[in-house]
Amino acid sequence: MSDLKVFKEEIKEYKRLKIISEMAPIREYIKNLEEKHKCNFDEFQARLKEESENFDKWDEYIEWKAYEKKLEELKNYMKEIENAEDITFVE
């Protein structure tokens, strides 16, 4: 069996690219909602509280909120990767 040599930066770059690929469809979904409602998430949330109940909008709100949360988690994970000092390999 031969040895495989990988630089720490290559591992970090792979993880960054993986996160970016996860973020892309989430950003696209959020962008579509912003265009549809002509506002960002915070504005949509404020409008929703002022309007009478609209179940379709509430469904979109719940979904949009989940996408916003996931995007924020991925951004934080990206920062963790960029600041990582040690890399542990797990089999």
PDB file of N, CA and C in Angstrom:
ATOM      1  N   MET A   1       0.849  -1.181   0.000  1.00  0.00           N
ATOM      2  CA  MET A   1       0.000   0.000   0.000  1.00  0.00           C
ATOM      3  C   MET A   1       0.892   1.241   0.000  1.00  0.00           C
ATOM      4  N   SER A   2       0.611   2.159  -0.875  1.00  0.00           N
ATOM      5  CA  SER A   2       1.424   3.374  -0.952  1.00  0.00           C
ATOM      6  C   SER A   2       0.799   4.490  -0.115  1.00  0.00           C
ATOM      7  N   ASP A   3       1.617   5.457   0.199  1.00  0.00           N
ATOM      8  CA  ASP A   3       1.156   6.591   1.000  1.00  0.00           C
ATOM      9  C   ASP A   3       0.504   7.637   0.105  1.00  0.00           C
ATOM     10  N   LEU A   4      -0.482   8.288   0.658  1.00  0.00           N
ATOM     11  CA  LEU A   4      -1.141   9.398  -0.018  1.00  0.00           C
ATOM     12  C   LEU A   4      -0.784  10.666   0.736  1.00  0.00           C
ATOM     13  N   LYS A   5      -0.262  11.624   0.032  1.00  0.00           N
ATOM     14  CA  LYS A   5       0.120  12.876   0.675  1.00  0.00           C
ATOM     15  C   LYS A   5      -0.853  13.967   0.250  1.00  0.00           C
ATOM     16  N   VAL A   6      -1.420  14.617   1.247  1.00  0.00           N
ATOM     17  CA  VAL A   6      -2.388  15.675   1.005  1.00  0.00           C
ATOM     18  C   VAL A   6      -2.030  16.851   1.899  1.00  0.00           C
ATOM     19  N   PHE A   7      -2.050  18.025   1.328  1.00  0.00           N
ATOM     20  CA  PHE A   7      -1.780  19.221   2.112  1.00  0.00           C
ATOM     21  C   PHE A   7      -3.034  19.655   2.864  1.00  0.00           C
ATOM     22  N   LYS A   8      -2.819  20.229   4.032  1.00  0.00           N
ATOM     23  CA  LYS A   8      -3.926  20.715   4.858  1.00  0.00           C
ATOM     24  C   LYS A   8      -4.811  21.681   4.069  1.00  0.00           C
ATOM     25  N   GLU A   9      -4.206  22.564   3.302  1.00  0.00           N
ATOM     26  CA  GLU A   9      -4.973  23.544   2.524  1.00  0.00           C
ATOM     27  C   GLU A   9      -5.856  22.874   1.469  1.00  0.00           C
ATOM     28  N   GLU A  10      -5.421  21.720   0.945  1.00  0.00           N
ATOM     29  CA  GLU A  10      -6.240  20.996  -0.029  1.00  0.00           C
ATOM     30  C   GLU A  10      -7.502  20.451   0.630  1.00  0.00           C
ATOM     31  N   ILE A  11      -7.355  19.961   1.839  1.00  0.00           N
ATOM     32  CA  ILE A  11      -8.510  19.456   2.583  1.00  0.00           C
ATOM     33  C   ILE A  11      -9.472  20.599   2.881  1.00  0.00           C
ATOM     34  N   LYS A  12      -8.926  21.712   3.337  1.00  0.00           N
ATOM     35  CA  LYS A  12      -9.769  22.870   3.652  1.00  0.00           C
ATOM     36  C   LYS A  12     -10.479  23.377   2.399  1.00  0.00           C
ATOM     37  N   GLU A  13      -9.780  23.400   1.280  1.00  0.00           N
ATOM     38  CA  GLU A  13     -10.383  23.864   0.024  1.00  0.00           C
ATOM     39  C   GLU A  13     -11.502  22.925  -0.414  1.00  0.00           C
ATOM     40  N   TYR A  14     -11.297  21.624  -0.267  1.00  0.00           N
ATOM     41  CA  TYR A  14     -12.337  20.656  -0.602  1.00  0.00           C
ATOM     42  C   TYR A  14     -13.586  20.900   0.241  1.00  0.00           C
ATOM     43  N   LYS A  15     -13.395  21.095   1.539  1.00  0.00           N
ATOM     44  CA  LYS A  15     -14.534  21.341   2.430  1.00  0.00           C
ATOM     45  C   LYS A  15     -15.242  22.650   2.063  1.00  0.00           C
ATOM     46  N   ARG A  16     -14.464  23.682   1.733  1.00  0.00           N
ATOM     47  CA  ARG A  16     -15.057  24.966   1.326  1.00  0.00           C
ATOM     48  C   ARG A  16     -15.904  24.789   0.067  1.00  0.00           C
ATOM     49  N   LEU A  17     -15.371  24.070  -0.910  1.00  0.00           N
ATOM     50  CA  LEU A  17     -16.110  23.852  -2.154  1.00  0.00           C
ATOM     51  C   LEU A  17     -17.387  23.051  -1.913  1.00  0.00           C
ATOM     52  N   LYS A  18     -17.309  22.102  -1.016  1.00  0.00           N
ATOM     53  CA  LYS A  18     -18.493  21.308  -0.677  1.00  0.00           C
ATOM     54  C   LYS A  18     -19.576  22.198  -0.060  1.00  0.00           C
ATOM     55  N   ILE A  19     -19.170  23.088   0.825  1.00  0.00           N
ATOM     56  CA  ILE A  19     -20.128  23.999   1.453  1.00  0.00           C
ATOM     57  C   ILE A  19     -20.707  24.965   0.421  1.00  0.00           C
ATOM     58  N   ILE A  20     -19.861  25.484  -0.445  1.00  0.00           N
ATOM     59  CA  ILE A  20     -20.334  26.400  -1.484  1.00  0.00           C
ATOM     60  C   ILE A  20     -21.376  25.711  -2.362  1.00  0.00           C
ATOM     61  N   SER A  21     -21.149  24.442  -2.666  1.00  0.00           N
ATOM     62  CA  SER A  21     -22.117  23.708  -3.491  1.00  0.00           C
ATOM     63  C   SER A  21     -23.435  23.496  -2.751  1.00  0.00           C
ATOM     64  N   GLU A  22     -23.405  23.432  -1.436  1.00  0.00           N
ATOM     65  CA  GLU A  22     -24.634  23.344  -0.646  1.00  0.00           C
ATOM     66  C   GLU A  22     -25.326  24.701  -0.567  1.00  0.00           C
ATOM     67  N   MET A  23     -24.538  25.762  -0.508  1.00  0.00           N
ATOM     68  CA  MET A  23     -25.089  27.105  -0.369  1.00  0.00           C
ATOM     69  C   MET A  23     -25.771  27.593  -1.647  1.00  0.00           C
ATOM     70  N   ALA A  24     -25.270  27.191  -2.795  1.00  0.00           N
ATOM     71  CA  ALA A  24     -25.770  27.716  -4.072  1.00  0.00           C
ATOM     72  C   ALA A  24     -27.278  27.540  -4.260  1.00  0.00           C
ATOM     73  N   PRO A  25     -27.830  26.331  -4.113  1.00  0.00           N
ATOM     74  CA  PRO A  25     -29.281  26.202  -4.305  1.00  0.00           C
ATOM     75  C   PRO A  25     -30.087  26.916  -3.215  1.00  0.00           C
ATOM     76  N   ILE A  26     -29.536  27.007  -2.019  1.00  0.00           N
ATOM     77  CA  ILE A  26     -30.221  27.716  -0.940  1.00  0.00           C
ATOM     78  C   ILE A  26     -30.299  29.201  -1.272  1.00  0.00           C
ATOM     79  N   ARG A  27     -29.183  29.764  -1.709  1.00  0.00           N
ATOM     80  CA  ARG A  27     -29.177  31.184  -2.107  1.00  0.00           C
ATOM     81  C   ARG A  27     -30.138  31.433  -3.261  1.00  0.00           C
ATOM     82  N   GLU A  28     -30.189  30.517  -4.200  1.00  0.00           N
ATOM     83  CA  GLU A  28     -31.092  30.661  -5.348  1.00  0.00           C
ATOM     84  C   GLU A  28     -32.551  30.643  -4.890  1.00  0.00           C
ATOM     85  N   TYR A  29     -32.877  29.746  -3.978  1.00  0.00           N
ATOM     86  CA  TYR A  29     -34.242  29.667  -3.454  1.00  0.00           C
ATOM     87  C   TYR A  29     -34.610  30.966  -2.739  1.00  0.00           C
ATOM     88  N   ILE A  30     -33.700  31.460  -1.910  1.00  0.00           N
ATOM     89  CA  ILE A  30     -33.940  32.709  -1.184  1.00  0.00           C
ATOM     90  C   ILE A  30     -34.102  33.865  -2.170  1.00  0.00           C
ATOM     91  N   LYS A  31     -33.261  33.907  -3.180  1.00  0.00           N
ATOM     92  CA  LYS A  31     -33.343  34.963  -4.201  1.00  0.00           C
ATOM     93  C   LYS A  31     -34.702  34.934  -4.895  1.00  0.00           C
ATOM     94  N   ASN A  32     -35.190  33.743  -5.226  1.00  0.00           N
ATOM     95  CA  ASN A  32     -36.501  33.617  -5.866  1.00  0.00           C
ATOM     96  C   ASN A  32     -37.614  34.138  -4.965  1.00  0.00           C
ATOM     97  N   LEU A  33     -37.537  33.842  -3.680  1.00  0.00           N
ATOM     98  CA  LEU A  33     -38.548  34.345  -2.750  1.00  0.00           C
ATOM     99  C   LEU A  33     -38.473  35.863  -2.621  1.00  0.00           C
ATOM    100  N   GLU A  34     -37.265  36.396  -2.584  1.00  0.00           N
ATOM    101  CA  GLU A  34     -37.094  37.852  -2.499  1.00  0.00           C
ATOM    102  C   GLU A  34     -37.681  38.537  -3.733  1.00  0.00           C
ATOM    103  N   GLU A  35     -37.475  37.949  -4.897  1.00  0.00           N
ATOM    104  CA  GLU A  35     -38.036  38.509  -6.127  1.00  0.00           C
ATOM    105  C   GLU A  35     -39.551  38.375  -6.151  1.00  0.00           C
ATOM    106  N   LYS A  36     -40.049  37.251  -5.711  1.00  0.00           N
ATOM    107  CA  LYS A  36     -41.493  37.013  -5.704  1.00  0.00           C
ATOM    108  C   LYS A  36     -42.206  38.010  -4.797  1.00  0.00           C
ATOM    109  N   HIS A  37     -41.644  38.241  -3.617  1.00  0.00           N
ATOM    110  CA  HIS A  37     -42.299  39.106  -2.628  1.00  0.00           C
ATOM    111  C   HIS A  37     -41.742  40.531  -2.618  1.00  0.00           C
ATOM    112  N   LYS A  38     -40.720  40.777  -3.433  1.00  0.00           N
ATOM    113  CA  LYS A  38     -40.098  42.102  -3.549  1.00  0.00           C
ATOM    114  C   LYS A  38     -39.629  42.645  -2.195  1.00  0.00           C
ATOM    115  N   CYS A  39     -39.018  41.752  -1.413  1.00  0.00           N
ATOM    116  CA  CYS A  39     -38.475  42.134  -0.106  1.00  0.00           C
ATOM    117  C   CYS A  39     -37.533  41.043   0.392  1.00  0.00           C
ATOM    118  N   ASN A  40     -36.781  41.370   1.441  1.00  0.00           N
ATOM    119  CA  ASN A  40     -35.929  40.355   2.058  1.00  0.00           C
ATOM    120  C   ASN A  40     -36.718  39.628   3.150  1.00  0.00           C
ATOM    121  N   PHE A  41     -36.073  38.687   3.800  1.00  0.00           N
ATOM    122  CA  PHE A  41     -36.765  37.867   4.794  1.00  0.00           C
ATOM    123  C   PHE A  41     -37.314  38.690   5.953  1.00  0.00           C
ATOM    124  N   ASP A  42     -36.516  39.609   6.488  1.00  0.00           N
ATOM    125  CA  ASP A  42     -36.968  40.412   7.627  1.00  0.00           C
ATOM    126  C   ASP A  42     -38.186  41.259   7.271  1.00  0.00           C
ATOM    127  N   GLU A  43     -38.179  41.837   6.080  1.00  0.00           N
ATOM    128  CA  GLU A  43     -39.327  42.629   5.631  1.00  0.00           C
ATOM    129  C   GLU A  43     -40.558  41.744   5.448  1.00  0.00           C
ATOM    130  N   PHE A  44     -40.350  40.564   4.884  1.00  0.00           N
ATOM    131  CA  PHE A  44     -41.461  39.627   4.694  1.00  0.00           C
ATOM    132  C   PHE A  44     -42.058  39.225   6.038  1.00  0.00           C
ATOM    133  N   GLN A  45     -41.201  38.971   6.996  1.00  0.00           N
ATOM    134  CA  GLN A  45     -41.642  38.593   8.337  1.00  0.00           C
ATOM    135  C   GLN A  45     -42.482  39.715   8.956  1.00  0.00           C
ATOM    136  N   ALA A  46     -42.038  40.951   8.813  1.00  0.00           N
ATOM    137  CA  ALA A  46     -42.776  42.096   9.360  1.00  0.00           C
ATOM    138  C   ALA A  46     -44.130  42.245   8.672  1.00  0.00           C
ATOM    139  N   ARG A  47     -44.152  42.102   7.363  1.00  0.00           N
ATOM    140  CA  ARG A  47     -45.417  42.197   6.615  1.00  0.00           C
ATOM    141  C   ARG A  47     -46.395  41.117   7.048  1.00  0.00           C
ATOM    142  N   LEU A  48     -45.875  39.931   7.234  1.00  0.00           N
ATOM    143  CA  LEU A  48     -46.714  38.790   7.586  1.00  0.00           C
ATOM    144  C   LEU A  48     -47.429  39.020   8.909  1.00  0.00           C
ATOM    145  N   LYS A  49     -46.742  39.648   9.843  1.00  0.00           N
ATOM    146  CA  LYS A  49     -47.334  39.917  11.155  1.00  0.00           C
ATOM    147  C   LYS A  49     -48.432  40.970  11.081  1.00  0.00           C
ATOM    148  N   GLU A  50     -48.342  41.863  10.094  1.00  0.00           N
ATOM    149  CA  GLU A  50     -49.321  42.937   9.955  1.00  0.00           C
ATOM    150  C   GLU A  50     -50.565  42.499   9.195  1.00  0.00           C
ATOM    151  N   GLU A  51     -50.431  41.534   8.293  1.00  0.00           N
ATOM    152  CA  GLU A  51     -51.535  41.100   7.442  1.00  0.00           C
ATOM    153  C   GLU A  51     -52.425  40.088   8.156  1.00  0.00           C
ATOM    154  N   SER A  52     -53.621  39.908   7.581  1.00  0.00           N
ATOM    155  CA  SER A  52     -54.486  38.849   8.100  1.00  0.00           C
ATOM    156  C   SER A  52     -53.880  37.505   7.703  1.00  0.00           C
ATOM    157  N   GLU A  53     -54.307  36.454   8.359  1.00  0.00           N
ATOM    158  CA  GLU A  53     -53.693  35.140   8.142  1.00  0.00           C
ATOM    159  C   GLU A  53     -53.821  34.686   6.697  1.00  0.00           C
ATOM    160  N   ASN A  54     -52.702  34.267   6.161  1.00  0.00           N
ATOM    161  CA  ASN A  54     -52.631  33.721   4.815  1.00  0.00           C
ATOM    162  C   ASN A  54     -51.757  32.471   4.923  1.00  0.00           C
ATOM    163  N   PHE A  55     -52.402  31.320   4.864  1.00  0.00           N
ATOM    164  CA  PHE A  55     -51.688  30.070   5.117  1.00  0.00           C
ATOM    165  C   PHE A  55     -50.587  29.792   4.092  1.00  0.00           C
ATOM    166  N   ASP A  56     -50.815  30.191   2.837  1.00  0.00           N
ATOM    167  CA  ASP A  56     -49.773  29.994   1.825  1.00  0.00           C
ATOM    168  C   ASP A  56     -48.530  30.805   2.159  1.00  0.00           C
ATOM    169  N   LYS A  57     -48.736  32.050   2.589  1.00  0.00           N
ATOM    170  CA  LYS A  57     -47.591  32.893   2.961  1.00  0.00           C
ATOM    171  C   LYS A  57     -46.917  32.363   4.224  1.00  0.00           C
ATOM    172  N   TRP A  58     -47.707  31.848   5.160  1.00  0.00           N
ATOM    173  CA  TRP A  58     -47.107  31.283   6.376  1.00  0.00           C
ATOM    174  C   TRP A  58     -46.268  30.054   6.043  1.00  0.00           C
ATOM    175  N   ASP A  59     -46.756  29.245   5.120  1.00  0.00           N
ATOM    176  CA  ASP A  59     -45.969  28.084   4.684  1.00  0.00           C
ATOM    177  C   ASP A  59     -44.646  28.532   4.069  1.00  0.00           C
ATOM    178  N   GLU A  60     -44.714  29.566   3.219  1.00  0.00           N
ATOM    179  CA  GLU A  60     -43.491  30.098   2.616  1.00  0.00           C
ATOM    180  C   GLU A  60     -42.574  30.687   3.679  1.00  0.00           C
ATOM    181  N   TYR A  61     -43.171  31.345   4.661  1.00  0.00           N
ATOM    182  CA  TYR A  61     -42.387  31.939   5.751  1.00  0.00           C
ATOM    183  C   TYR A  61     -41.594  30.861   6.496  1.00  0.00           C
ATOM    184  N   ILE A  62     -42.256  29.775   6.834  1.00  0.00           N
ATOM    185  CA  ILE A  62     -41.604  28.686   7.572  1.00  0.00           C
ATOM    186  C   ILE A  62     -40.460  28.098   6.745  1.00  0.00           C
ATOM    187  N   GLU A  63     -40.722  27.888   5.465  1.00  0.00           N
ATOM    188  CA  GLU A  63     -39.693  27.347   4.580  1.00  0.00           C
ATOM    189  C   GLU A  63     -38.533  28.334   4.420  1.00  0.00           C
ATOM    190  N   TRP A  64     -38.866  29.603   4.202  1.00  0.00           N
ATOM    191  CA  TRP A  64     -37.858  30.646   4.011  1.00  0.00           C
ATOM    192  C   TRP A  64     -36.983  30.767   5.253  1.00  0.00           C
ATOM    193  N   LYS A  65     -37.630  30.732   6.405  1.00  0.00           N
ATOM    194  CA  LYS A  65     -36.897  30.825   7.677  1.00  0.00           C
ATOM    195  C   LYS A  65     -35.908  29.663   7.809  1.00  0.00           C
ATOM    196  N   ALA A  66     -36.326  28.469   7.440  1.00  0.00           N
ATOM    197  CA  ALA A  66     -35.451  27.297   7.510  1.00  0.00           C
ATOM    198  C   ALA A  66     -34.259  27.449   6.559  1.00  0.00           C
ATOM    199  N   TYR A  67     -34.507  27.969   5.371  1.00  0.00           N
ATOM    200  CA  TYR A  67     -33.413  28.188   4.420  1.00  0.00           C
ATOM    201  C   TYR A  67     -32.450  29.255   4.920  1.00  0.00           C
ATOM    202  N   GLU A  68     -32.972  30.313   5.512  1.00  0.00           N
ATOM    203  CA  GLU A  68     -32.115  31.362   6.077  1.00  0.00           C
ATOM    204  C   GLU A  68     -31.236  30.790   7.196  1.00  0.00           C
ATOM    205  N   LYS A  69     -31.841  29.956   8.036  1.00  0.00           N
ATOM    206  CA  LYS A  69     -31.099  29.349   9.146  1.00  0.00           C
ATOM    207  C   LYS A  69     -29.998  28.428   8.617  1.00  0.00           C
ATOM    208  N   LYS A  70     -30.334  27.611   7.635  1.00  0.00           N
ATOM    209  CA  LYS A  70     -29.345  26.690   7.061  1.00  0.00           C
ATOM    210  C   LYS A  70     -28.205  27.460   6.403  1.00  0.00           C
ATOM    211  N   LEU A  71     -28.525  28.550   5.708  1.00  0.00           N
ATOM    212  CA  LEU A  71     -27.492  29.362   5.070  1.00  0.00           C
ATOM    213  C   LEU A  71     -26.555  29.950   6.118  1.00  0.00           C
ATOM    214  N   GLU A  72     -27.109  30.420   7.211  1.00  0.00           N
ATOM    215  CA  GLU A  72     -26.288  30.986   8.288  1.00  0.00           C
ATOM    216  C   GLU A  72     -25.389  29.912   8.909  1.00  0.00           C
ATOM    217  N   GLU A  73     -25.934  28.709   9.103  1.00  0.00           N
ATOM    218  CA  GLU A  73     -25.134  27.601   9.636  1.00  0.00           C
ATOM    219  C   GLU A  73     -23.962  27.278   8.707  1.00  0.00           C
ATOM    220  N   LEU A  74     -24.216  27.263   7.412  1.00  0.00           N
ATOM    221  CA  LEU A  74     -23.160  26.960   6.445  1.00  0.00           C
ATOM    222  C   LEU A  74     -22.100  28.059   6.422  1.00  0.00           C
ATOM    223  N   LYS A  75     -22.527  29.306   6.542  1.00  0.00           N
ATOM    224  CA  LYS A  75     -21.566  30.419   6.602  1.00  0.00           C
ATOM    225  C   LYS A  75     -20.674  30.280   7.836  1.00  0.00           C
ATOM    226  N   ASN A  76     -21.272  29.923   8.963  1.00  0.00           N
ATOM    227  CA  ASN A  76     -20.494  29.737  10.189  1.00  0.00           C
ATOM    228  C   ASN A  76     -19.529  28.560  10.059  1.00  0.00           C
ATOM    229  N   TYR A  77     -19.977  27.494   9.428  1.00  0.00           N
ATOM    230  CA  TYR A  77     -19.120  26.332   9.216  1.00  0.00           C
ATOM    231  C   TYR A  77     -17.943  26.698   8.309  1.00  0.00           C
ATOM    232  N   MET A  78     -18.215  27.533   7.311  1.00  0.00           N
ATOM    233  CA  MET A  78     -17.155  27.993   6.415  1.00  0.00           C
ATOM    234  C   MET A  78     -16.088  28.746   7.211  1.00  0.00           C
ATOM    235  N   LYS A  79     -16.509  29.586   8.140  1.00  0.00           N
ATOM    236  CA  LYS A  79     -15.561  30.328   8.981  1.00  0.00           C
ATOM    237  C   LYS A  79     -14.744  29.371   9.844  1.00  0.00           C
ATOM    238  N   GLU A  80     -15.403  28.348  10.387  1.00  0.00           N
ATOM    239  CA  GLU A  80     -14.693  27.352  11.194  1.00  0.00           C
ATOM    240  C   GLU A  80     -13.604  26.668  10.368  1.00  0.00           C
ATOM    241  N   ILE A  81     -13.927  26.327   9.153  1.00  0.00           N
ATOM    242  CA  ILE A  81     -12.956  25.661   8.277  1.00  0.00           C
ATOM    243  C   ILE A  81     -11.785  26.584   7.982  1.00  0.00           C
ATOM    244  N   GLU A  82     -12.090  27.832   7.664  1.00  0.00           N
ATOM    245  CA  GLU A  82     -11.028  28.787   7.345  1.00  0.00           C
ATOM    246  C   GLU A  82     -10.087  29.003   8.524  1.00  0.00           C
ATOM    247  N   ASN A  83     -10.612  28.911   9.743  1.00  0.00           N
ATOM    248  CA  ASN A  83      -9.805  29.139  10.941  1.00  0.00           C
ATOM    249  C   ASN A  83      -9.243  27.856  11.548  1.00  0.00           C
ATOM    250  N   ALA A  84      -9.538  26.717  10.928  1.00  0.00           N
ATOM    251  CA  ALA A  84      -9.094  25.433  11.480  1.00  0.00           C
ATOM    252  C   ALA A  84      -7.572  25.337  11.479  1.00  0.00           C
ATOM    253  N   GLU A  85      -7.043  24.929  12.608  1.00  0.00           N
ATOM    254  CA  GLU A  85      -5.597  24.736  12.748  1.00  0.00           C
ATOM    255  C   GLU A  85      -5.227  23.268  12.567  1.00  0.00           C
ATOM    256  N   ASP A  86      -6.023  22.400  13.157  1.00  0.00           N
ATOM    257  CA  ASP A  86      -5.743  20.965  13.104  1.00  0.00           C
ATOM    258  C   ASP A  86      -6.797  20.264  12.263  1.00  0.00           C
ATOM    259  N   ILE A  87      -6.369  19.257  11.547  1.00  0.00           N
ATOM    260  CA  ILE A  87      -7.277  18.433  10.761  1.00  0.00           C
ATOM    261  C   ILE A  87      -7.085  16.993  11.203  1.00  0.00           C
ATOM    262  N   THR A  88      -8.180  16.342  11.539  1.00  0.00           N
ATOM    263  CA  THR A  88      -8.138  14.953  11.974  1.00  0.00           C
ATOM    264  C   THR A  88      -8.761  14.087  10.888  1.00  0.00           C
ATOM    265  N   PHE A  89      -8.096  13.022  10.524  1.00  0.00           N
ATOM    266  CA  PHE A  89      -8.610  12.097   9.527  1.00  0.00           C
ATOM    267  C   PHE A  89      -9.325  10.955  10.237  1.00  0.00           C
ATOM    268  N   VAL A  90     -10.532  10.682   9.772  1.00  0.00           N
ATOM    269  CA  VAL A  90     -11.354   9.642  10.374  1.00  0.00           C
ATOM    270  C   VAL A  90     -11.653   8.606   9.297  1.00  0.00           C
ATOM    271  N   GLU A  91     -11.500   7.345   9.660  1.00  0.00           N
ATOM    272  CA  GLU A  91     -11.779   6.271   8.693  1.00  0.00           C
ATOM    273  C   GLU A  91     -13.167   5.748   8.872  1.00  0.00           C
TER     274      GLU A  91
END
